[in-house]
């Protein structure tokens, strides 16, 4: 049997290039493995290593020469630490990509991979252009369709990495002489485009409301029937120290792992999966970039670029990968993007809990559940935009900020492998990052509940609820929702309204519980990404604005409902 390759026999090859040129797809096609972790608009947010035989490929985030993103710094650091490079450039903007990227790789060794070759008119003229560029650079230029690598492509890349040529020139005198632009469509229309983009952007939220929650409704009673006997046995016969962690039963609500863990998967996982698949289809097809371009002029006054909007929408599935994906935002727009996620992205726990409460209130008051749902979403959207407008910096809102300007890509039908490549990163981060933190917080909440801290906090806040025209009983839901957003369910205990509230009070309660503070999982993720000092300021600022907006809703809502 042939011995495994030793460390000295393994060749390391760095994949480097601009955003959305097909680096992750190239790695996936070369290795047969899914590349990338949280890829939106092509921005792999961490450096990934993948083995194929005795070659290790390092997939880097996309470099934006005119930007200052964390992912660009990460890619440049990886570039400085590696000698063999595959420079990936896009055939449709070949001359511009070479002009921008060649200065970064001078002194390295490797080859140039020209992706999107299927968009170039085939013929002798295109091949001659490749030969002119290769001769001028003294490098191999390998044109490919990264989604469909041929055996010849693989052999050429293998030869180029095993015997790499030096990158000697920062600029070339030879030019391809073409720039291929995609034809404009409905999304590029000045008036219709933004409207279509907004509808497409809200599709994942609608799918969650009417799709993922329908799945959860079917699974919930089944899972409940499995765990209710187990929970009863634990409460009746197991030692008290285990009951504290596993059930932590407090009246009608259990804070323990057995109470909440299974239902995290029932309610949250379908939402995360559906969001990931829809946004994965948007990304793999190029549609998300078209949406970004259409929305960019509308988002700039709020400190966001069109590129940042999808990250905020991603938070409706799970805030954790959404916050991590902001590494590919520019420094001036990353803060507003994180603020928008923490404030306005109703995650996969918050949204179904909110819908359950509003449905119970509608049944109790004779109000339309659909009306209450859309009033909540409209108010959440409106106050999030006001919050961003008042808190984002002037540089982020400036029309002269070229760091935030997106470009229009080509559209293509997503392949199943490309779809899963884009979606799997979000699902992995939910399972591997959000879930462990959830378990830790679940245990902490159980201990706090057993010690009476949650009840004490709710009693202290009970009188404060009167300021928001809310019953004192609602304080426990607000307290617990600041730990985990499923605490909103307390407002609809026993599959109905836990205590009498008007429609306006119900809207105020779910809004206040949802936006007063992000859940601890989100807060801890923001702390790791931006530092705890900046996170403390964000939390204090969010609490202040949420209080003000909740007061407006509480007392203004009495006149509307």
Protein backbone atom coordinates (compact mmCIF):
# COMPACT_ATOMS: atom_id res chain seq x y z
CA UNK A 1 0.00 0.00 0.00
CA UNK A 2 1.31 3.43 -0.90
CA UNK A 3 2.21 5.52 2.14
CA UNK A 4 0.30 8.72 2.78
CA UNK A 5 1.95 11.89 1.52
CA UNK A 6 4.21 13.49 4.11
CA UNK A 7 3.99 17.17 4.97
CA UNK A 8 7.03 17.90 2.77
CA UNK A 9 5.37 16.18 -0.23
CA UNK A 10 2.14 18.20 -0.01
CA UNK A 11 2.00 21.16 -2.38
CA UNK A 12 0.07 24.16 -1.07
CA UNK A 13 -1.67 26.34 -3.64
CA UNK A 14 -3.43 29.58 -2.78
CA UNK A 15 -6.57 30.53 -4.73
CA UNK A 16 -6.81 34.32 -4.94
CA UNK A 17 -8.94 36.78 -6.89
CA UNK A 18 -11.69 39.34 -6.71
CA UNK A 19 -15.16 38.72 -5.34
CA UNK A 20 -17.51 36.59 -7.43
CA UNK A 21 -14.92 35.39 -9.95
CA UNK A 22 -15.57 31.72 -9.13
CA UNK A 23 -12.77 30.82 -6.69
CA UNK A 24 -14.93 28.66 -4.42
CA UNK A 25 -16.55 26.95 -7.39
CA UNK A 26 -13.09 26.25 -8.84
CA UNK A 27 -11.94 24.66 -5.56
CA UNK A 28 -15.14 22.63 -5.38
CA UNK A 29 -14.68 21.36 -8.93
CA UNK A 30 -10.99 20.56 -8.41
CA UNK A 31 -11.42 18.69 -5.11
CA UNK A 32 -14.96 17.35 -5.38
CA UNK A 33 -15.73 18.96 -2.03
CA UNK A 34 -17.97 21.83 -1.05
CA UNK A 35 -15.87 24.96 -0.68
CA UNK A 36 -16.69 27.98 1.36
CA UNK A 37 -18.46 28.52 4.64
CA UNK A 38 -20.71 31.57 4.50
CA UNK A 39 -20.63 32.78 0.91
CA UNK A 40 -22.78 35.74 -0.04
CA UNK A 41 -21.90 37.56 -3.22
CA UNK A 42 -19.00 35.17 -3.48
CA UNK A 43 -17.35 36.31 -0.26
CA UNK A 44 -15.92 33.33 1.61
CA UNK A 45 -15.58 34.83 5.08
CA UNK A 46 -12.80 32.54 6.32
CA UNK A 47 -9.74 30.96 4.71
CA UNK A 48 -10.50 27.30 3.95
CA UNK A 49 -8.10 24.44 3.21
CA UNK A 50 -9.02 21.50 0.93
CA UNK A 51 -6.93 18.48 -0.04
CA UNK A 52 -6.90 16.72 -3.38
CA UNK A 53 -4.21 14.07 -3.64
CA UNK A 54 -0.92 15.66 -2.64
CA UNK A 55 -2.15 19.21 -3.31
CA UNK A 56 -3.72 21.41 -0.66
CA UNK A 57 -5.82 24.28 -2.02
CA UNK A 58 -6.43 27.33 0.15
CA UNK A 59 -9.65 29.12 -0.75
CA UNK A 60 -9.51 32.81 0.21
CA UNK A 61 -12.18 35.50 0.45
CA UNK A 62 -12.65 37.78 -2.53
CA UNK A 63 -10.34 40.78 -2.69
CA UNK A 64 -11.89 44.20 -3.22
CA UNK A 65 -9.02 46.51 -4.21
CA UNK A 66 -11.08 49.65 -3.51
CA UNK A 67 -12.38 48.37 -0.18
CA UNK A 68 -11.20 47.88 3.40
CA UNK A 69 -13.14 44.78 4.34
CA UNK A 70 -11.99 42.31 6.97
CA UNK A 71 -12.13 39.55 4.35
CA UNK A 72 -9.82 41.50 2.02
CA UNK A 73 -7.27 41.83 4.83
CA UNK A 74 -7.63 38.13 5.55
CA UNK A 75 -6.95 37.23 1.90
CA UNK A 76 -3.93 39.55 1.68
CA UNK A 77 -2.47 38.03 4.84
CA UNK A 78 -2.86 34.55 3.33
CA UNK A 79 -1.25 35.79 0.12
CA UNK A 80 1.82 37.07 1.98
CA UNK A 81 2.27 33.68 3.66
CA UNK A 82 2.11 31.50 0.51
CA UNK A 83 4.31 31.27 -2.57
CA UNK A 84 2.30 29.26 -5.13
CA UNK A 85 -0.77 31.07 -6.36
CA UNK A 86 -3.62 30.45 -8.77
CA UNK A 87 -4.77 33.94 -9.73
CA UNK A 88 -8.44 33.70 -10.72
CA UNK A 89 -9.74 36.41 -13.05
CA UNK A 90 -13.03 36.73 -14.88
CA UNK A 91 -13.04 36.47 -18.68
CA UNK A 92 -15.79 39.06 -19.03
CA UNK A 93 -13.66 41.78 -17.37
CA UNK A 94 -10.27 40.24 -18.04
CA UNK A 95 -8.18 43.36 -18.69
CA UNK A 96 -9.53 45.17 -15.61
CA UNK A 97 -9.07 42.15 -13.34
CA UNK A 98 -5.47 41.68 -14.48
CA UNK A 99 -4.73 45.37 -13.98
CA UNK A 100 -6.12 45.25 -10.43
CA UNK A 101 -4.73 41.90 -9.29
CA UNK A 102 -1.30 41.42 -10.91
CA UNK A 103 0.43 44.01 -8.67
CA UNK A 104 -0.61 41.96 -5.63
CA UNK A 105 1.00 38.71 -6.80
CA UNK A 106 4.32 39.97 -8.19
CA UNK A 107 7.08 37.79 -6.76
CA UNK A 108 4.81 34.78 -6.30
CA UNK A 109 4.72 31.72 -8.60
CA UNK A 110 1.78 30.05 -10.27
CA UNK A 111 -0.66 30.55 -13.13
CA UNK A 112 -3.71 32.56 -14.17
CA UNK A 113 -7.12 30.83 -14.27
CA UNK A 114 -9.61 32.64 -16.51
CA UNK A 115 -13.16 31.78 -15.39
CA UNK A 116 -16.48 32.47 -17.12
CA UNK A 117 -14.86 31.37 -20.38
CA UNK A 118 -18.26 30.11 -21.52
CA UNK A 119 -19.34 33.78 -21.80
CA UNK A 120 -16.64 34.51 -24.41
CA UNK A 121 -17.35 34.04 -28.09
CA UNK A 122 -15.31 30.92 -29.03
CA UNK A 123 -12.87 31.13 -31.91
CA UNK A 124 -9.32 31.83 -32.96
CA UNK A 125 -9.44 35.46 -31.85
CA UNK A 126 -10.16 34.48 -28.21
CA UNK A 127 -7.41 31.83 -28.20
CA UNK A 128 -4.93 34.27 -29.75
CA UNK A 129 -5.75 36.79 -27.02
CA UNK A 130 -4.94 34.16 -24.38
CA UNK A 131 -1.64 33.38 -26.10
CA UNK A 132 -0.68 37.09 -26.27
CA UNK A 133 -1.40 37.57 -22.57
CA UNK A 134 0.44 34.36 -21.59
CA UNK A 135 3.50 35.34 -23.65
CA UNK A 136 3.56 38.87 -22.23
CA UNK A 137 3.19 37.64 -18.63
CA UNK A 138 5.44 34.59 -19.00
CA UNK A 139 2.72 32.53 -17.32
CA UNK A 140 0.17 29.88 -18.12
CA UNK A 141 -3.31 31.34 -18.84
CA UNK A 142 -5.88 28.56 -18.43
CA UNK A 143 -9.43 29.44 -19.58
CA UNK A 144 -12.15 27.38 -17.83
CA UNK A 145 -15.81 27.15 -16.99
CA UNK A 146 -15.31 26.60 -13.24
CA UNK A 147 -18.62 24.73 -12.94
CA UNK A 148 -17.64 22.19 -15.60
CA UNK A 149 -13.91 21.53 -15.51
CA UNK A 150 -12.68 19.20 -18.26
CA UNK A 151 -9.94 16.60 -17.82
CA UNK A 152 -7.72 18.84 -19.90
CA UNK A 153 -8.39 21.74 -17.52
CA UNK A 154 -7.45 19.58 -14.54
CA UNK A 155 -4.22 18.41 -16.19
CA UNK A 156 -3.24 21.97 -17.12
CA UNK A 157 -3.87 23.22 -13.58
CA UNK A 158 -1.97 20.28 -12.07
CA UNK A 159 1.04 20.97 -14.30
CA UNK A 160 0.92 24.69 -13.57
CA UNK A 161 0.96 24.13 -9.79
CA UNK A 162 3.63 21.41 -9.87
CA UNK A 163 5.97 23.55 -11.98
CA UNK A 164 4.82 27.14 -11.33
CA UNK A 165 6.16 30.12 -13.24
CA UNK A 166 7.01 33.42 -11.50
CA UNK A 167 4.68 36.43 -11.59
CA UNK A 168 7.14 39.03 -12.85
CA UNK A 169 5.01 41.89 -14.18
CA UNK A 170 2.63 44.21 -12.33
CA UNK A 171 1.05 45.24 -15.63
CA UNK A 172 0.85 43.87 -19.17
CA UNK A 173 1.15 45.64 -22.49
CA UNK A 174 -0.96 42.96 -24.19
CA UNK A 175 -4.72 43.19 -23.78
CA UNK A 176 -7.68 40.93 -24.42
CA UNK A 177 -9.52 43.94 -25.86
CA UNK A 178 -13.02 43.02 -24.74
CA UNK A 179 -15.40 43.69 -21.88
CA UNK A 180 -18.58 41.63 -21.86
CA UNK A 181 -21.55 43.14 -19.99
CA UNK A 182 -24.78 41.27 -19.16
CA UNK A 183 -27.93 42.61 -20.77
CA UNK A 184 -30.10 44.72 -18.43
CA UNK A 185 -33.40 43.23 -17.31
CA UNK A 186 -36.38 44.16 -15.16
CA UNK A 187 -34.18 44.62 -12.12
CA UNK A 188 -32.18 47.30 -13.94
CA UNK A 189 -35.29 49.39 -14.66
CA UNK A 190 -35.10 52.65 -12.71
CA UNK A 191 -38.63 52.42 -11.28
CA UNK A 192 -39.68 48.78 -11.59
CA UNK A 193 -36.26 47.36 -10.60
CA UNK A 194 -36.27 48.39 -6.92
CA UNK A 195 -39.87 47.19 -6.51
CA UNK A 196 -39.06 43.78 -7.99
CA UNK A 197 -35.90 43.60 -5.87
CA UNK A 198 -37.87 44.31 -2.68
CA UNK A 199 -40.41 41.60 -3.54
CA UNK A 200 -37.64 39.09 -4.21
CA UNK A 201 -35.89 40.05 -1.00
CA UNK A 202 -39.02 39.46 1.07
CA UNK A 203 -39.65 36.06 -0.52
CA UNK A 204 -37.53 34.20 2.09
CA UNK A 205 -39.54 35.84 4.90
CA UNK A 206 -42.81 34.88 3.23
CA UNK A 207 -41.55 31.35 2.67
CA UNK A 208 -40.71 31.14 6.35
CA UNK A 209 -44.10 32.40 7.46
CA UNK A 210 -46.09 30.11 5.18
CA UNK A 211 -43.62 27.28 4.54
CA UNK A 212 -41.15 26.56 7.31
CA UNK A 213 -43.73 27.29 10.00
CA UNK A 214 -46.18 24.90 8.33
CA UNK A 215 -43.53 22.18 8.56
CA UNK A 216 -42.91 23.09 12.20
CA UNK A 217 -46.63 22.93 12.93
CA UNK A 218 -46.67 19.35 11.66
CA UNK A 219 -43.54 18.30 13.55
CA UNK A 220 -44.28 20.07 16.83
CA UNK A 221 -47.04 17.75 18.17
CA UNK A 222 -45.08 14.67 17.07
CA UNK A 223 -41.92 15.76 18.84
CA UNK A 224 -43.95 16.90 21.85
CA UNK A 225 -45.55 13.45 22.14
CA UNK A 226 -42.07 11.89 22.17
CA UNK A 227 -40.61 14.15 24.82
CA UNK A 228 -43.55 14.76 27.17
CA UNK A 229 -43.22 11.29 28.82
CA UNK A 230 -39.47 11.76 29.11
CA UNK A 231 -39.88 15.20 30.71
CA UNK A 232 -42.52 13.84 33.09
CA UNK A 233 -40.20 11.00 34.13
CA UNK A 234 -37.32 13.39 34.70
CA UNK A 235 -39.49 15.72 36.80
CA UNK A 236 -40.91 12.85 38.89
CA UNK A 237 -37.93 10.57 39.49
CA UNK A 238 -34.58 12.10 38.55
CA UNK A 239 -32.27 13.93 40.98
CA UNK A 240 -32.96 17.63 41.44
CA UNK A 241 -29.58 18.70 40.03
CA UNK A 242 -30.40 16.95 36.75
CA UNK A 243 -33.94 18.36 36.67
CA UNK A 244 -32.50 21.86 36.93
CA UNK A 245 -30.54 21.42 33.70
CA UNK A 246 -32.84 19.11 31.75
CA UNK A 247 -36.28 20.58 32.45
CA UNK A 248 -36.14 23.55 34.89
CA UNK A 249 -39.93 23.51 34.98
CA UNK A 250 -41.42 26.83 36.10
CA UNK A 251 -45.19 26.70 35.90
CA UNK A 252 -46.25 26.15 32.29
CA UNK A 253 -42.83 26.83 30.84
CA UNK A 254 -39.66 24.74 30.91
CA UNK A 255 -36.25 26.28 30.42
CA UNK A 256 -34.25 23.05 30.25
CA UNK A 257 -32.50 21.22 27.43
CA UNK A 258 -35.27 18.64 27.09
CA UNK A 259 -37.94 21.34 26.95
CA UNK A 260 -36.31 23.66 24.45
CA UNK A 261 -33.56 21.73 22.64
CA UNK A 262 -35.79 19.55 20.42
CA UNK A 263 -38.02 22.48 19.55
CA UNK A 264 -35.05 24.56 18.47
CA UNK A 265 -34.62 22.02 15.67
CA UNK A 266 -38.37 21.81 15.01
CA UNK A 267 -38.88 25.55 14.66
CA UNK A 268 -35.47 26.97 13.84
CA UNK A 269 -33.88 24.36 11.56
CA UNK A 270 -36.65 24.40 8.88
CA UNK A 271 -36.44 28.19 8.84
CA UNK A 272 -32.65 28.24 8.57
CA UNK A 273 -32.68 25.55 5.88
CA UNK A 274 -35.35 27.27 3.79
CA UNK A 275 -33.60 30.63 4.04
CA UNK A 276 -30.27 29.06 3.17
CA UNK A 277 -31.66 27.29 0.10
CA UNK A 278 -33.50 30.34 -1.24
CA UNK A 279 -30.58 32.69 -0.69
CA UNK A 280 -28.25 29.98 -2.03
CA UNK A 281 -30.29 29.88 -5.23
CA UNK A 282 -30.14 33.68 -5.40
CA UNK A 283 -26.36 33.63 -5.03
CA UNK A 284 -25.59 30.68 -7.30
CA UNK A 285 -27.71 32.19 -10.08
CA UNK A 286 -26.29 35.71 -9.71
CA UNK A 287 -29.73 37.04 -8.82
CA UNK A 288 -28.64 38.33 -5.42
CA UNK A 289 -26.09 40.64 -7.02
CA UNK A 290 -28.74 42.01 -9.37
CA UNK A 291 -30.92 42.65 -6.30
CA UNK A 292 -27.98 44.34 -4.59
CA UNK A 293 -27.45 46.70 -7.52
CA UNK A 294 -31.16 47.57 -7.70
CA UNK A 295 -31.42 48.30 -3.96
CA UNK A 296 -28.11 50.12 -3.54
CA UNK A 297 -29.45 53.65 -4.15
CA UNK A 298 -32.31 53.01 -1.70
CA UNK A 299 -30.07 51.62 1.06
CA UNK A 300 -27.25 54.16 0.92
CA UNK A 301 -29.14 56.85 2.93
CA UNK A 302 -29.37 54.31 5.78
CA UNK A 303 -25.65 53.49 5.85
CA UNK A 304 -25.95 50.18 4.01
CA UNK A 305 -24.86 49.15 0.55
CA UNK A 306 -26.92 46.92 -1.70
CA UNK A 307 -24.40 44.18 -0.85
CA UNK A 308 -25.28 44.43 2.87
CA UNK A 309 -29.03 43.94 2.52
CA UNK A 310 -28.79 40.21 1.96
CA UNK A 311 -26.80 39.82 5.16
CA UNK A 312 -29.57 41.53 7.10
CA UNK A 313 -32.16 39.26 5.48
CA UNK A 314 -29.96 36.29 6.26
CA UNK A 315 -30.53 37.09 9.94
CA UNK A 316 -34.16 36.03 9.57
CA UNK A 317 -32.79 32.51 9.29
CA UNK A 318 -30.08 32.76 11.95
CA UNK A 319 -28.32 35.84 13.31
CA UNK A 320 -25.01 34.05 13.91
CA UNK A 321 -23.91 33.39 10.29
CA UNK A 322 -25.44 36.73 9.31
CA UNK A 323 -23.19 38.61 11.76
CA UNK A 324 -20.14 36.58 10.71
CA UNK A 325 -20.84 37.30 7.03
CA UNK A 326 -20.48 41.05 7.71
CA UNK A 327 -16.71 40.51 7.61
CA UNK A 328 -17.02 41.18 3.89
CA UNK A 329 -18.70 44.57 4.49
CA UNK A 330 -16.61 47.71 4.27
CA UNK A 331 -15.57 49.16 7.62
CA UNK A 332 -17.99 52.06 7.30
CA UNK A 333 -21.02 49.86 6.55
CA UNK A 334 -20.23 46.87 8.79
CA UNK A 335 -21.46 48.65 11.91
CA UNK A 336 -24.84 49.57 10.40
CA UNK A 337 -25.18 46.04 8.96
CA UNK A 338 -24.59 44.43 12.38
CA UNK A 339 -26.97 46.95 13.98
CA UNK A 340 -29.66 46.11 11.45
CA UNK A 341 -29.23 42.37 12.09
CA UNK A 342 -29.35 42.77 15.88
CA UNK A 343 -32.33 45.14 15.76
CA UNK A 344 -34.46 44.18 12.79
CA UNK A 345 -33.70 40.58 11.78
CA UNK A 346 -36.38 38.48 13.46
CA UNK A 347 -34.48 35.19 13.71
CA UNK A 348 -35.85 31.70 13.31
CA UNK A 349 -36.84 31.63 17.00
CA UNK A 350 -38.28 35.12 17.24
CA UNK A 351 -40.43 35.02 14.11
CA UNK A 352 -42.43 31.83 14.84
CA UNK A 353 -42.83 32.85 18.49
CA UNK A 354 -44.14 36.25 17.40
CA UNK A 355 -46.55 34.68 14.92
CA UNK A 356 -47.85 32.30 17.59
CA UNK A 357 -48.57 35.18 19.97
CA UNK A 358 -50.22 37.32 17.30
CA UNK A 359 -52.39 34.38 16.18
CA UNK A 360 -53.50 33.75 19.77
CA UNK A 361 -54.27 37.45 20.22
CA UNK A 362 -56.23 37.54 16.96
CA UNK A 363 -58.36 34.59 18.11
CA UNK A 364 -58.96 36.20 21.51
CA UNK A 365 -59.80 39.68 20.21
CA UNK A 366 -61.48 38.88 16.90
CA UNK A 367 -58.74 40.68 14.95
CA UNK A 368 -57.21 39.42 11.71
CA UNK A 369 -54.00 37.47 12.35
CA UNK A 370 -52.75 38.43 8.87
CA UNK A 371 -53.34 42.12 9.65
CA UNK A 372 -51.45 41.90 12.94
CA UNK A 373 -48.57 40.04 11.27
CA UNK A 374 -48.12 42.61 8.54
CA UNK A 375 -48.49 45.51 10.98
CA UNK A 376 -45.71 43.99 13.06
CA UNK A 377 -43.40 43.43 10.05
CA UNK A 378 -44.11 46.92 8.67
CA UNK A 379 -43.38 48.57 12.01
CA UNK A 380 -40.24 46.47 12.47
CA UNK A 381 -39.00 47.49 9.02
CA UNK A 382 -39.87 51.16 9.47
CA UNK A 383 -38.25 51.52 12.88
CA UNK A 384 -35.15 49.62 11.74
CA UNK A 385 -34.68 52.10 8.89
CA UNK A 386 -35.18 55.07 11.23
CA UNK A 387 -32.71 53.53 13.69
CA UNK A 388 -30.09 53.09 10.95
CA UNK A 389 -30.66 56.58 9.57
CA UNK A 390 -30.07 58.14 12.99
CA UNK A 391 -27.11 55.97 14.04
CA UNK A 392 -25.07 55.27 10.89
CA UNK A 393 -22.08 57.49 10.13
CA UNK A 394 -22.06 60.15 7.45
CA UNK A 395 -19.34 58.30 5.50
CA UNK A 396 -21.52 55.21 5.26
CA UNK A 397 -24.39 57.31 3.88
CA UNK A 398 -22.25 59.29 1.43
CA UNK A 399 -23.04 58.92 -2.26
CA UNK A 400 -19.31 59.36 -2.94
CA UNK A 401 -18.37 56.19 -1.05
CA UNK A 402 -17.12 53.89 -3.82
CA UNK A 403 -16.30 51.14 -1.30
CA UNK A 404 -19.97 50.24 -1.21
CA UNK A 405 -20.80 50.22 -4.93
CA UNK A 406 -21.82 46.77 -6.27
CA UNK A 407 -21.51 45.61 -9.88
CA UNK A 408 -23.96 43.69 -12.08
CA UNK A 409 -23.07 40.05 -12.80
CA UNK A 410 -24.19 37.51 -15.35
CA UNK A 411 -27.20 35.32 -14.52
CA UNK A 412 -27.06 31.53 -14.80
CA UNK A 413 -29.15 28.58 -13.70
CA UNK A 414 -27.80 27.20 -10.41
CA UNK A 415 -26.71 23.58 -10.42
CA UNK A 416 -27.72 21.38 -7.45
CA UNK A 417 -24.10 21.19 -6.30
CA UNK A 418 -23.68 24.97 -6.50
CA UNK A 419 -26.97 25.46 -4.65
CA UNK A 420 -25.90 23.20 -1.81
CA UNK A 421 -22.41 24.71 -1.77
CA UNK A 422 -23.93 28.11 -1.07
CA UNK A 423 -26.54 26.87 1.44
CA UNK A 424 -24.50 24.35 3.39
CA UNK A 425 -22.23 26.96 4.99
CA UNK A 426 -25.18 28.67 6.67
CA UNK A 427 -26.56 25.37 7.93
CA UNK A 428 -23.13 24.31 9.22
CA UNK A 429 -22.68 27.54 11.11
CA UNK A 430 -26.13 27.19 12.66
CA UNK A 431 -25.37 23.64 13.83
CA UNK A 432 -21.73 24.12 14.83
CA UNK A 433 -21.73 27.67 16.18
CA UNK A 434 -25.25 28.72 17.13
CA UNK A 435 -26.29 25.35 18.61
CA UNK A 436 -23.40 24.96 21.12
CA UNK A 437 -23.93 28.51 22.36
CA UNK A 438 -27.65 27.79 22.61
CA UNK A 439 -26.93 24.76 24.81
CA UNK A 440 -24.74 26.85 27.11
CA UNK A 441 -27.37 29.59 27.34
CA UNK A 442 -30.10 27.01 27.89
CA UNK A 443 -28.19 25.68 30.91
CA UNK A 444 -27.58 29.21 32.17
CA UNK A 445 -31.27 30.09 31.81
CA UNK A 446 -32.21 26.92 33.68
CA UNK A 447 -29.92 27.85 36.57
CA UNK A 448 -31.23 31.43 36.64
CA UNK A 449 -34.81 30.17 36.61
CA UNK A 450 -34.11 27.70 39.43
CA UNK A 451 -32.40 30.40 41.49
CA UNK A 452 -35.41 32.67 41.04
CA UNK A 453 -33.42 35.33 39.22
CA UNK A 454 -35.81 35.45 36.26
CA UNK A 455 -38.85 35.76 38.52
CA UNK A 456 -37.07 38.44 40.55
CA UNK A 457 -36.19 40.39 37.41
CA UNK A 458 -39.75 40.12 36.10
CA UNK A 459 -41.16 41.38 39.42
CA UNK A 460 -38.79 44.35 39.33
CA UNK A 461 -39.81 45.12 35.75
CA UNK A 462 -43.53 44.49 36.33
CA UNK A 463 -44.32 48.11 37.25
CA UNK A 464 -42.21 49.31 34.31
CA UNK A 465 -44.53 47.44 31.94
CA UNK A 466 -47.25 49.91 32.83
CA UNK A 467 -45.25 52.60 31.05
CA UNK A 468 -45.79 50.59 27.85
CA UNK A 469 -49.48 50.00 28.69
CA UNK A 470 -48.70 46.30 29.23
CA UNK A 471 -49.76 43.87 31.98
CA UNK A 472 -47.13 43.15 34.63
CA UNK A 473 -47.15 39.46 33.59
CA UNK A 474 -45.55 40.38 30.25
CA UNK A 475 -42.30 41.32 32.00
CA UNK A 476 -41.13 37.69 32.22
CA UNK A 477 -41.43 37.28 28.44
CA UNK A 478 -39.37 40.45 27.92
CA UNK A 479 -36.70 39.25 30.35
CA UNK A 480 -36.45 35.77 28.88
CA UNK A 481 -36.50 37.06 25.29
CA UNK A 482 -33.34 39.01 26.11
CA UNK A 483 -31.75 35.63 26.87
CA UNK A 484 -33.44 33.56 24.14
CA UNK A 485 -36.04 34.79 21.69
CA UNK A 486 -38.26 31.79 22.36
CA UNK A 487 -39.19 33.61 25.57
CA UNK A 488 -41.80 35.42 23.48
CA UNK A 489 -43.77 32.15 23.59
CA UNK A 490 -44.61 33.00 27.22
CA UNK A 491 -47.12 35.51 25.89
CA UNK A 492 -49.07 32.60 24.35
CA UNK A 493 -48.81 29.83 26.92
CA UNK A 494 -51.10 26.79 26.61
CA UNK A 495 -51.61 27.46 22.88
CA UNK A 496 -53.56 30.63 23.60
CA UNK A 497 -53.20 34.09 25.08
CA UNK A 498 -51.47 33.66 28.45
CA UNK A 499 -53.32 36.69 29.84
CA UNK A 500 -55.78 39.20 28.35
CA UNK A 501 -54.25 41.80 26.04
CA UNK A 502 -55.64 44.03 23.34
CA UNK A 503 -54.30 43.79 19.80
CA UNK A 504 -52.22 46.94 20.36
CA UNK A 505 -50.79 45.56 23.60
CA UNK A 506 -49.90 42.28 21.90
CA UNK A 507 -48.05 44.11 19.12
CA UNK A 508 -46.20 46.20 21.69
CA UNK A 509 -45.28 43.16 23.79
CA UNK A 510 -43.82 41.11 20.93
CA UNK A 511 -42.03 44.16 19.52
CA UNK A 512 -40.47 45.12 22.84
CA UNK A 513 -39.46 41.55 23.66
CA UNK A 514 -38.04 41.09 20.15
CA UNK A 515 -35.94 44.23 19.74
CA UNK A 516 -35.09 45.51 23.23
CA UNK A 517 -31.91 43.43 23.13
CA UNK A 518 -30.58 40.76 20.76
CA UNK A 519 -30.51 37.27 22.24
CA UNK A 520 -27.35 36.23 24.08
CA UNK A 521 -26.21 34.03 21.17
CA UNK A 522 -26.27 37.05 18.86
CA UNK A 523 -24.73 39.36 21.45
CA UNK A 524 -21.86 36.93 22.10
CA UNK A 525 -21.24 36.58 18.34
CA UNK A 526 -21.17 40.37 17.91
CA UNK A 527 -18.78 40.60 20.87
CA UNK A 528 -16.38 38.11 19.30
CA UNK A 529 -16.54 39.88 15.95
CA UNK A 530 -16.29 43.53 17.01
CA UNK A 531 -15.03 43.56 20.61
CA UNK A 532 -16.99 43.85 23.83
CA UNK A 533 -16.64 47.61 24.22
CA UNK A 534 -18.24 48.25 20.84
CA UNK A 535 -20.87 45.59 21.59
CA UNK A 536 -21.78 47.24 24.90
CA UNK A 537 -22.36 50.54 23.10
CA UNK A 538 -24.48 48.80 20.47
CA UNK A 539 -26.63 47.08 23.11
CA UNK A 540 -27.18 50.29 25.08
CA UNK A 541 -28.07 52.22 21.93
CA UNK A 542 -30.44 49.50 20.73
CA UNK A 543 -32.20 49.32 24.10
CA UNK A 544 -32.73 53.09 24.07
CA UNK A 545 -34.22 53.22 20.58
CA UNK A 546 -36.30 50.08 21.14
CA UNK A 547 -37.80 51.64 24.27
CA UNK A 548 -38.70 54.81 22.40
CA UNK A 549 -40.24 52.94 19.44
CA UNK A 550 -42.18 50.62 21.78
CA UNK A 551 -43.64 53.63 23.61
CA UNK A 552 -44.79 55.13 20.30
CA UNK A 553 -46.38 51.80 19.33
CA UNK A 554 -47.99 51.31 22.75
CA UNK A 555 -49.76 54.62 22.95
CA UNK A 556 -50.19 55.30 19.25
CA UNK A 557 -51.51 51.80 18.63
CA UNK A 558 -54.47 52.45 20.91
CA UNK A 559 -55.82 54.87 18.31
CA UNK A 560 -55.34 52.47 15.41
CA UNK A 561 -56.54 49.14 16.84
